[in-house]
Amino acid sequence: MALQEELEKQGLWLFRYRGVLPVIILVVGFLLFIQTEIHPETFFLKKTPYEIYFETLCLLISLFGLFIRICVIGFTPKNTSGRTVKNQVADSLNTTGMYSLVRHPLYVGNFFMWLGPAIMSGNFWFVVAFVLCYWVYYERIMFAEEQFLRNKFGKIYIDWSEKVPAFVPDFKNFIKANLSLSWKKVVRKEITGIFVLFAIFFVFDYAGVYLKNEKELNPFLLYSMIFLLFAIVIIKFIKKNTDWLKQENR
């Protein structure tokens, strides 16, 4: 099998199981975080006044990734950047908004979302390993997606891809999105992900407090998680019983 076909085959397989890598990162990162809490001498910021700022920075990095995802999801039409279980879907080609800066903005957002917990581990080499694994893993997925888009849209895709970088944004290419921001779509698609993100950082915080025999949890993480949990329940009720969150072609 030629290398091009092999990379596409690998990418299609990884695309179906693209949720596996974050789970592996989370589990390994959490175990390393516990090790760092037990042996604080292994990380220079532990037990210093700067530790809280470090943890806040990790959360902000993940929230930045979430912000990127919201900017993608909120400005795109249906069946172009949404989640699918097994198959690639593209009724039209996105070339404006975030897609005028970079060809795979959702994966850029995912990178920063999972970089936060990786850095929280306090292990430099784990962060390096995460970056390398993410690169190899998603490079193949992006290759398979681009093969699909090239076959479907032909010259339109080729002309767009020649101007827009794959992963590192080029801000001079920015073109305003054709659609306005749809908060209804963002709420439908991303509310669970937002809750999971805060829950992850809450679990890290709880483990740290428990291992240090401290009494106070981070109130921001705790109240944010509770608020988001109630929000999910309300949104699920609204989705099930009303059409309020539905939008045509969004």
Foldseek 3Di string as FASTA:
>chain_A
DDPLVVLLVLLLVCLLVVVPLLVVLLVVLLVLLLVCLLVVVLFPCPPHPCPVVLLVVLLVLLVVLVVLVLQVQFQDFPQCPADDNRDHTHPDHDCAGVNLFAVCSNLLSVLSNSLSSQVSSSDPVSSVVSVVCSCVSVVSNLSNVLVVCCVVPPPVSVVSPVNYHHHGTDVVRHHHGPGDGQVLRCCVGCLVVVLVSLVSSQVSQVSSCVSVVHDDGDVVSVVVNVVSVVVVVVVVVCVVPHCVSPDPRD
